[in-house]
């Protein structure tokens, strides 16, 4: 996404150029997304670093940083 477009996208809560994945846990009460970042994508077993986490609570619009 172009940086100018990104700054205008109010719904985007987190963005960076790192590689990794997001782990989502969904229950009746909330949807939690934990971002996990890996520095060396070509190295099997490379350590993961915790990125930010966000939660959307049932009945409340929008994501909040945990």
PDB file of N, CA and C in Angstrom:
ATOM      1  N   UNK A   1       0.843  -1.165   0.000  1.00  0.00           N
ATOM      2  CA  UNK A   1       0.000   0.000   0.000  1.00  0.00           C
ATOM      3  C   UNK A   1       0.893   1.234   0.000  1.00  0.00           C
ATOM      4  N   UNK A   2       0.580   2.184  -0.811  1.00  0.00           N
ATOM      5  CA  UNK A   2       1.343   3.421  -0.909  1.00  0.00           C
ATOM      6  C   UNK A   2       1.281   4.161   0.430  1.00  0.00           C
ATOM      7  N   UNK A   3       2.407   4.739   0.917  1.00  0.00           N
ATOM      8  CA  UNK A   3       2.418   5.399   2.227  1.00  0.00           C
ATOM      9  C   UNK A   3       1.351   6.477   2.384  1.00  0.00           C
ATOM     10  N   UNK A   4       1.105   7.254   1.347  1.00  0.00           N
ATOM     11  CA  UNK A   4       0.096   8.308   1.446  1.00  0.00           C
ATOM     12  C   UNK A   4      -1.295   7.686   1.606  1.00  0.00           C
ATOM     13  N   UNK A   5      -1.570   6.646   0.861  1.00  0.00           N
ATOM     14  CA  UNK A   5      -2.846   5.954   0.967  1.00  0.00           C
ATOM     15  C   UNK A   5      -2.982   5.341   2.357  1.00  0.00           C
ATOM     16  N   UNK A   6      -1.897   4.792   2.878  1.00  0.00           N
ATOM     17  CA  UNK A   6      -1.910   4.168   4.197  1.00  0.00           C
ATOM     18  C   UNK A   6      -2.254   5.186   5.277  1.00  0.00           C
ATOM     19  N   UNK A   7      -1.686   6.379   5.196  1.00  0.00           N
ATOM     20  CA  UNK A   7      -1.963   7.399   6.208  1.00  0.00           C
ATOM     21  C   UNK A   7      -3.414   7.871   6.161  1.00  0.00           C
ATOM     22  N   UNK A   8      -4.056   7.702   5.034  1.00  0.00           N
ATOM     23  CA  UNK A   8      -5.448   8.109   4.900  1.00  0.00           C
ATOM     24  C   UNK A   8      -6.414   6.985   5.274  1.00  0.00           C
ATOM     25  N   UNK A   9      -5.910   5.792   5.477  1.00  0.00           N
ATOM     26  CA  UNK A   9      -6.750   4.634   5.793  1.00  0.00           C
ATOM     27  C   UNK A   9      -6.885   4.524   7.311  1.00  0.00           C
ATOM     28  N   UNK A  10      -7.896   5.142   7.857  1.00  0.00           N
ATOM     29  CA  UNK A  10      -8.080   5.174   9.314  1.00  0.00           C
ATOM     30  C   UNK A  10      -8.351   3.799   9.900  1.00  0.00           C
ATOM     31  N   UNK A  11      -8.814   2.863   9.088  1.00  0.00           N
ATOM     32  CA  UNK A  11      -9.120   1.522   9.583  1.00  0.00           C
ATOM     33  C   UNK A  11      -7.877   0.663   9.761  1.00  0.00           C
ATOM     34  N   UNK A  12      -6.733   1.060   9.212  1.00  0.00           N
ATOM     35  CA  UNK A  12      -5.489   0.298   9.364  1.00  0.00           C
ATOM     36  C   UNK A  12      -4.893   0.635  10.728  1.00  0.00           C
ATOM     37  N   UNK A  13      -4.776  -0.368  11.590  1.00  0.00           N
ATOM     38  CA  UNK A  13      -4.275  -0.167  12.950  1.00  0.00           C
ATOM     39  C   UNK A  13      -2.789  -0.460  13.086  1.00  0.00           C
ATOM     40  N   UNK A  14      -2.252  -1.283  12.189  1.00  0.00           N
ATOM     41  CA  UNK A  14      -0.838  -1.659  12.282  1.00  0.00           C
ATOM     42  C   UNK A  14      -0.315  -2.004  10.899  1.00  0.00           C
ATOM     43  N   UNK A  15       0.886  -1.525  10.599  1.00  0.00           N
ATOM     44  CA  UNK A  15       1.539  -1.843   9.339  1.00  0.00           C
ATOM     45  C   UNK A  15       3.035  -1.639   9.518  1.00  0.00           C
ATOM     46  N   UNK A  16       3.816  -2.559   9.003  1.00  0.00           N
ATOM     47  CA  UNK A  16       5.267  -2.383   8.940  1.00  0.00           C
ATOM     48  C   UNK A  16       5.807  -3.238   7.805  1.00  0.00           C
ATOM     49  N   UNK A  17       7.103  -3.199   7.604  1.00  0.00           N
ATOM     50  CA  UNK A  17       7.722  -3.942   6.505  1.00  0.00           C
ATOM     51  C   UNK A  17       8.324  -5.268   6.953  1.00  0.00           C
ATOM     52  N   UNK A  18       8.056  -5.677   8.187  1.00  0.00           N
ATOM     53  CA  UNK A  18       8.615  -6.924   8.706  1.00  0.00           C
ATOM     54  C   UNK A  18       7.830  -8.116   8.175  1.00  0.00           C
ATOM     55  N   UNK A  19       8.456  -9.273   8.236  1.00  0.00           N
ATOM     56  CA  UNK A  19       7.792 -10.517   7.846  1.00  0.00           C
ATOM     57  C   UNK A  19       7.354 -11.266   9.086  1.00  0.00           C
ATOM     58  N   UNK A  20       6.342 -12.080   8.933  1.00  0.00           N
ATOM     59  CA  UNK A  20       5.851 -12.871  10.043  1.00  0.00           C
ATOM     60  C   UNK A  20       4.437 -13.310   9.763  1.00  0.00           C
ATOM     61  N   UNK A  21       3.663 -13.425  10.805  1.00  0.00           N
ATOM     62  CA  UNK A  21       2.279 -13.828  10.622  1.00  0.00           C
ATOM     63  C   UNK A  21       1.437 -13.287  11.761  1.00  0.00           C
ATOM     64  N   UNK A  22       0.132 -13.420  11.605  1.00  0.00           N
ATOM     65  CA  UNK A  22      -0.797 -13.000  12.643  1.00  0.00           C
ATOM     66  C   UNK A  22      -1.560 -14.230  13.134  1.00  0.00           C
ATOM     67  N   UNK A  23      -1.644 -14.363  14.450  1.00  0.00           N
ATOM     68  CA  UNK A  23      -2.372 -15.471  15.065  1.00  0.00           C
ATOM     69  C   UNK A  23      -3.677 -14.895  15.611  1.00  0.00           C
ATOM     70  N   UNK A  24      -4.796 -15.440  15.160  1.00  0.00           N
ATOM     71  CA  UNK A  24      -6.108 -14.952  15.582  1.00  0.00           C
ATOM     72  C   UNK A  24      -6.778 -15.972  16.489  1.00  0.00           C
ATOM     73  N   UNK A  25      -7.334 -15.476  17.577  1.00  0.00           N
ATOM     74  CA  UNK A  25      -8.098 -16.299  18.503  1.00  0.00           C
ATOM     75  C   UNK A  25      -9.498 -15.699  18.569  1.00  0.00           C
ATOM     76  N   UNK A  26     -10.490 -16.511  18.226  1.00  0.00           N
ATOM     77  CA  UNK A  26     -11.861 -16.017  18.159  1.00  0.00           C
ATOM     78  C   UNK A  26     -12.737 -16.782  19.153  1.00  0.00           C
ATOM     79  N   UNK A  27     -13.428 -16.031  19.998  1.00  0.00           N
ATOM     80  CA  UNK A  27     -14.388 -16.601  20.931  1.00  0.00           C
ATOM     81  C   UNK A  27     -15.702 -15.823  20.780  1.00  0.00           C
ATOM     82  N   UNK A  28     -16.697 -16.201  21.545  1.00  0.00           N
ATOM     83  CA  UNK A  28     -17.967 -15.457  21.505  1.00  0.00           C
ATOM     84  C   UNK A  28     -17.802 -14.054  22.062  1.00  0.00           C
ATOM     85  N   UNK A  29     -16.818 -13.848  22.909  1.00  0.00           N
ATOM     86  CA  UNK A  29     -16.623 -12.548  23.553  1.00  0.00           C
ATOM     87  C   UNK A  29     -15.709 -11.607  22.789  1.00  0.00           C
ATOM     88  N   UNK A  30     -14.748 -12.160  22.016  1.00  0.00           N
ATOM     89  CA  UNK A  30     -13.789 -11.277  21.343  1.00  0.00           C
ATOM     90  C   UNK A  30     -13.058 -11.964  20.204  1.00  0.00           C
ATOM     91  N   UNK A  31     -12.436 -11.141  19.374  1.00  0.00           N
ATOM     92  CA  UNK A  31     -11.510 -11.577  18.321  1.00  0.00           C
ATOM     93  C   UNK A  31     -10.191 -10.909  18.660  1.00  0.00           C
ATOM     94  N   UNK A  32      -9.170 -11.716  18.923  1.00  0.00           N
ATOM     95  CA  UNK A  32      -7.849 -11.190  19.267  1.00  0.00           C
ATOM     96  C   UNK A  32      -6.873 -11.553  18.163  1.00  0.00           C
ATOM     97  N   UNK A  33      -6.088 -10.576  17.733  1.00  0.00           N
ATOM     98  CA  UNK A  33      -5.057 -10.775  16.716  1.00  0.00           C
ATOM     99  C   UNK A  33      -3.702 -10.426  17.314  1.00  0.00           C
ATOM    100  N   UNK A  34      -2.788 -11.400  17.335  1.00  0.00           N
ATOM    101  CA  UNK A  34      -1.428 -11.210  17.840  1.00  0.00           C
ATOM    102  C   UNK A  34      -0.467 -11.294  16.661  1.00  0.00           C
ATOM    103  N   UNK A  35       0.294 -10.226  16.444  1.00  0.00           N
ATOM    104  CA  UNK A  35       1.257 -10.200  15.353  1.00  0.00           C
ATOM    105  C   UNK A  35       2.593 -10.754  15.833  1.00  0.00           C
ATOM    106  N   UNK A  36       3.152 -11.703  15.074  1.00  0.00           N
ATOM    107  CA  UNK A  36       4.427 -12.337  15.392  1.00  0.00           C
ATOM    108  C   UNK A  36       5.386 -12.059  14.241  1.00  0.00           C
ATOM    109  N   UNK A  37       6.567 -11.587  14.575  1.00  0.00           N
ATOM    110  CA  UNK A  37       7.523 -11.120  13.574  1.00  0.00           C
ATOM    111  C   UNK A  37       8.778 -11.988  13.606  1.00  0.00           C
ATOM    112  N   UNK A  38       9.246 -12.359  12.430  1.00  0.00           N
ATOM    113  CA  UNK A  38      10.475 -13.142  12.310  1.00  0.00           C
ATOM    114  C   UNK A  38      11.484 -12.308  11.524  1.00  0.00           C
ATOM    115  N   UNK A  39      12.713 -12.211  12.044  1.00  0.00           N
ATOM    116  CA  UNK A  39      13.727 -11.368  11.403  1.00  0.00           C
ATOM    117  C   UNK A  39      14.440 -12.081  10.248  1.00  0.00           C
ATOM    118  N   UNK A  40      14.619 -13.393  10.362  1.00  0.00           N
ATOM    119  CA  UNK A  40      15.339 -14.149   9.344  1.00  0.00           C
ATOM    120  C   UNK A  40      14.406 -15.168   8.711  1.00  0.00           C
ATOM    121  N   UNK A  41      13.759 -14.782   7.617  1.00  0.00           N
ATOM    122  CA  UNK A  41      12.750 -15.654   7.007  1.00  0.00           C
ATOM    123  C   UNK A  41      13.357 -16.861   6.297  1.00  0.00           C
ATOM    124  N   UNK A  42      14.626 -16.809   5.959  1.00  0.00           N
ATOM    125  CA  UNK A  42      15.257 -17.937   5.258  1.00  0.00           C
ATOM    126  C   UNK A  42      15.918 -18.922   6.213  1.00  0.00           C
ATOM    127  N   UNK A  43      15.864 -18.659   7.505  1.00  0.00           N
ATOM    128  CA  UNK A  43      16.494 -19.523   8.507  1.00  0.00           C
ATOM    129  C   UNK A  43      15.426 -20.340   9.228  1.00  0.00           C
ATOM    130  N   UNK A  44      15.346 -21.653   8.958  1.00  0.00           N
ATOM    131  CA  UNK A  44      14.365 -22.486   9.655  1.00  0.00           C
ATOM    132  C   UNK A  44      14.561 -22.412  11.171  1.00  0.00           C
ATOM    133  N   UNK A  45      13.484 -22.275  11.896  1.00  0.00           N
ATOM    134  CA  UNK A  45      13.549 -22.209  13.345  1.00  0.00           C
ATOM    135  C   UNK A  45      13.969 -20.863  13.895  1.00  0.00           C
ATOM    136  N   UNK A  46      13.998 -19.833  13.042  1.00  0.00           N
ATOM    137  CA  UNK A  46      14.381 -18.498  13.510  1.00  0.00           C
ATOM    138  C   UNK A  46      13.400 -18.042  14.590  1.00  0.00           C
ATOM    139  N   UNK A  47      13.885 -17.325  15.589  1.00  0.00           N
ATOM    140  CA  UNK A  47      13.000 -16.914  16.683  1.00  0.00           C
ATOM    141  C   UNK A  47      11.936 -15.912  16.233  1.00  0.00           C
ATOM    142  N   UNK A  48      10.794 -16.002  16.897  1.00  0.00           N
ATOM    143  CA  UNK A  48       9.701 -15.064  16.663  1.00  0.00           C
ATOM    144  C   UNK A  48       9.755 -13.970  17.720  1.00  0.00           C
ATOM    145  N   UNK A  49       9.420 -12.774  17.316  1.00  0.00           N
ATOM    146  CA  UNK A  49       9.310 -11.652  18.244  1.00  0.00           C
ATOM    147  C   UNK A  49       7.865 -11.200  18.279  1.00  0.00           C
ATOM    148  N   UNK A  50       7.384 -10.888  19.454  1.00  0.00           N
ATOM    149  CA  UNK A  50       5.998 -10.437  19.587  1.00  0.00           C
ATOM    150  C   UNK A  50       5.864  -9.021  19.048  1.00  0.00           C
ATOM    151  N   UNK A  51       4.872  -8.842  18.207  1.00  0.00           N
ATOM    152  CA  UNK A  51       4.496  -7.521  17.737  1.00  0.00           C
ATOM    153  C   UNK A  51       3.286  -7.063  18.524  1.00  0.00           C
ATOM    154  N   UNK A  52       2.582  -6.094  18.016  1.00  0.00           N
ATOM    155  CA  UNK A  52       1.395  -5.624  18.735  1.00  0.00           C
ATOM    156  C   UNK A  52       0.249  -6.626  18.691  1.00  0.00           C
ATOM    157  N   UNK A  53      -0.682  -6.471  19.601  1.00  0.00           N
ATOM    158  CA  UNK A  53      -1.900  -7.280  19.646  1.00  0.00           C
ATOM    159  C   UNK A  53      -3.095  -6.339  19.648  1.00  0.00           C
ATOM    160  N   UNK A  54      -4.174  -6.791  19.019  1.00  0.00           N
ATOM    161  CA  UNK A  54      -5.405  -6.013  18.946  1.00  0.00           C
ATOM    162  C   UNK A  54      -6.578  -6.909  19.281  1.00  0.00           C
ATOM    163  N   UNK A  55      -7.633  -6.309  19.824  1.00  0.00           N
ATOM    164  CA  UNK A  55      -8.827  -7.071  20.170  1.00  0.00           C
ATOM    165  C   UNK A  55     -10.067  -6.306  19.718  1.00  0.00           C
ATOM    166  N   UNK A  56     -11.042  -7.069  19.214  1.00  0.00           N
ATOM    167  CA  UNK A  56     -12.367  -6.541  18.897  1.00  0.00           C
ATOM    168  C   UNK A  56     -13.327  -7.263  19.828  1.00  0.00           C
ATOM    169  N   UNK A  57     -13.991  -6.507  20.702  1.00  0.00           N
ATOM    170  CA  UNK A  57     -14.913  -7.090  21.660  1.00  0.00           C
ATOM    171  C   UNK A  57     -16.300  -7.209  21.054  1.00  0.00           C
ATOM    172  N   UNK A  58     -17.006  -8.277  21.396  1.00  0.00           N
ATOM    173  CA  UNK A  58     -18.353  -8.497  20.903  1.00  0.00           C
ATOM    174  C   UNK A  58     -19.243  -7.311  21.267  1.00  0.00           C
ATOM    175  N   UNK A  59     -19.974  -6.804  20.284  1.00  0.00           N
ATOM    176  CA  UNK A  59     -20.884  -5.689  20.517  1.00  0.00           C
ATOM    177  C   UNK A  59     -20.255  -4.320  20.512  1.00  0.00           C
ATOM    178  N   UNK A  60     -18.919  -4.242  20.346  1.00  0.00           N
ATOM    179  CA  UNK A  60     -18.223  -2.954  20.315  1.00  0.00           C
ATOM    180  C   UNK A  60     -17.477  -2.831  18.989  1.00  0.00           C
ATOM    181  N   UNK A  61     -17.812  -1.854  18.184  1.00  0.00           N
ATOM    182  CA  UNK A  61     -17.128  -1.703  16.900  1.00  0.00           C
ATOM    183  C   UNK A  61     -15.682  -1.233  17.072  1.00  0.00           C
ATOM    184  N   UNK A  62     -14.833  -1.679  16.174  1.00  0.00           N
ATOM    185  CA  UNK A  62     -13.447  -1.232  16.148  1.00  0.00           C
ATOM    186  C   UNK A  62     -12.495  -2.097  16.944  1.00  0.00           C
ATOM    187  N   UNK A  63     -11.244  -2.017  16.566  1.00  0.00           N
ATOM    188  CA  UNK A  63     -10.179  -2.768  17.246  1.00  0.00           C
ATOM    189  C   UNK A  63      -9.444  -1.870  18.227  1.00  0.00           C
ATOM    190  N   UNK A  64      -9.037  -2.445  19.348  1.00  0.00           N
ATOM    191  CA  UNK A  64      -8.268  -1.724  20.351  1.00  0.00           C
ATOM    192  C   UNK A  64      -6.938  -2.431  20.549  1.00  0.00           C
ATOM    193  N   UNK A  65      -5.884  -1.643  20.699  1.00  0.00           N
ATOM    194  CA  UNK A  65      -4.566  -2.221  20.970  1.00  0.00           C
ATOM    195  C   UNK A  65      -4.530  -2.734  22.399  1.00  0.00           C
ATOM    196  N   UNK A  66      -3.981  -3.929  22.572  1.00  0.00           N
ATOM    197  CA  UNK A  66      -3.893  -4.551  23.896  1.00  0.00           C
ATOM    198  C   UNK A  66      -2.577  -4.191  24.531  1.00  0.00           C
TER     199      UNK A  66
END
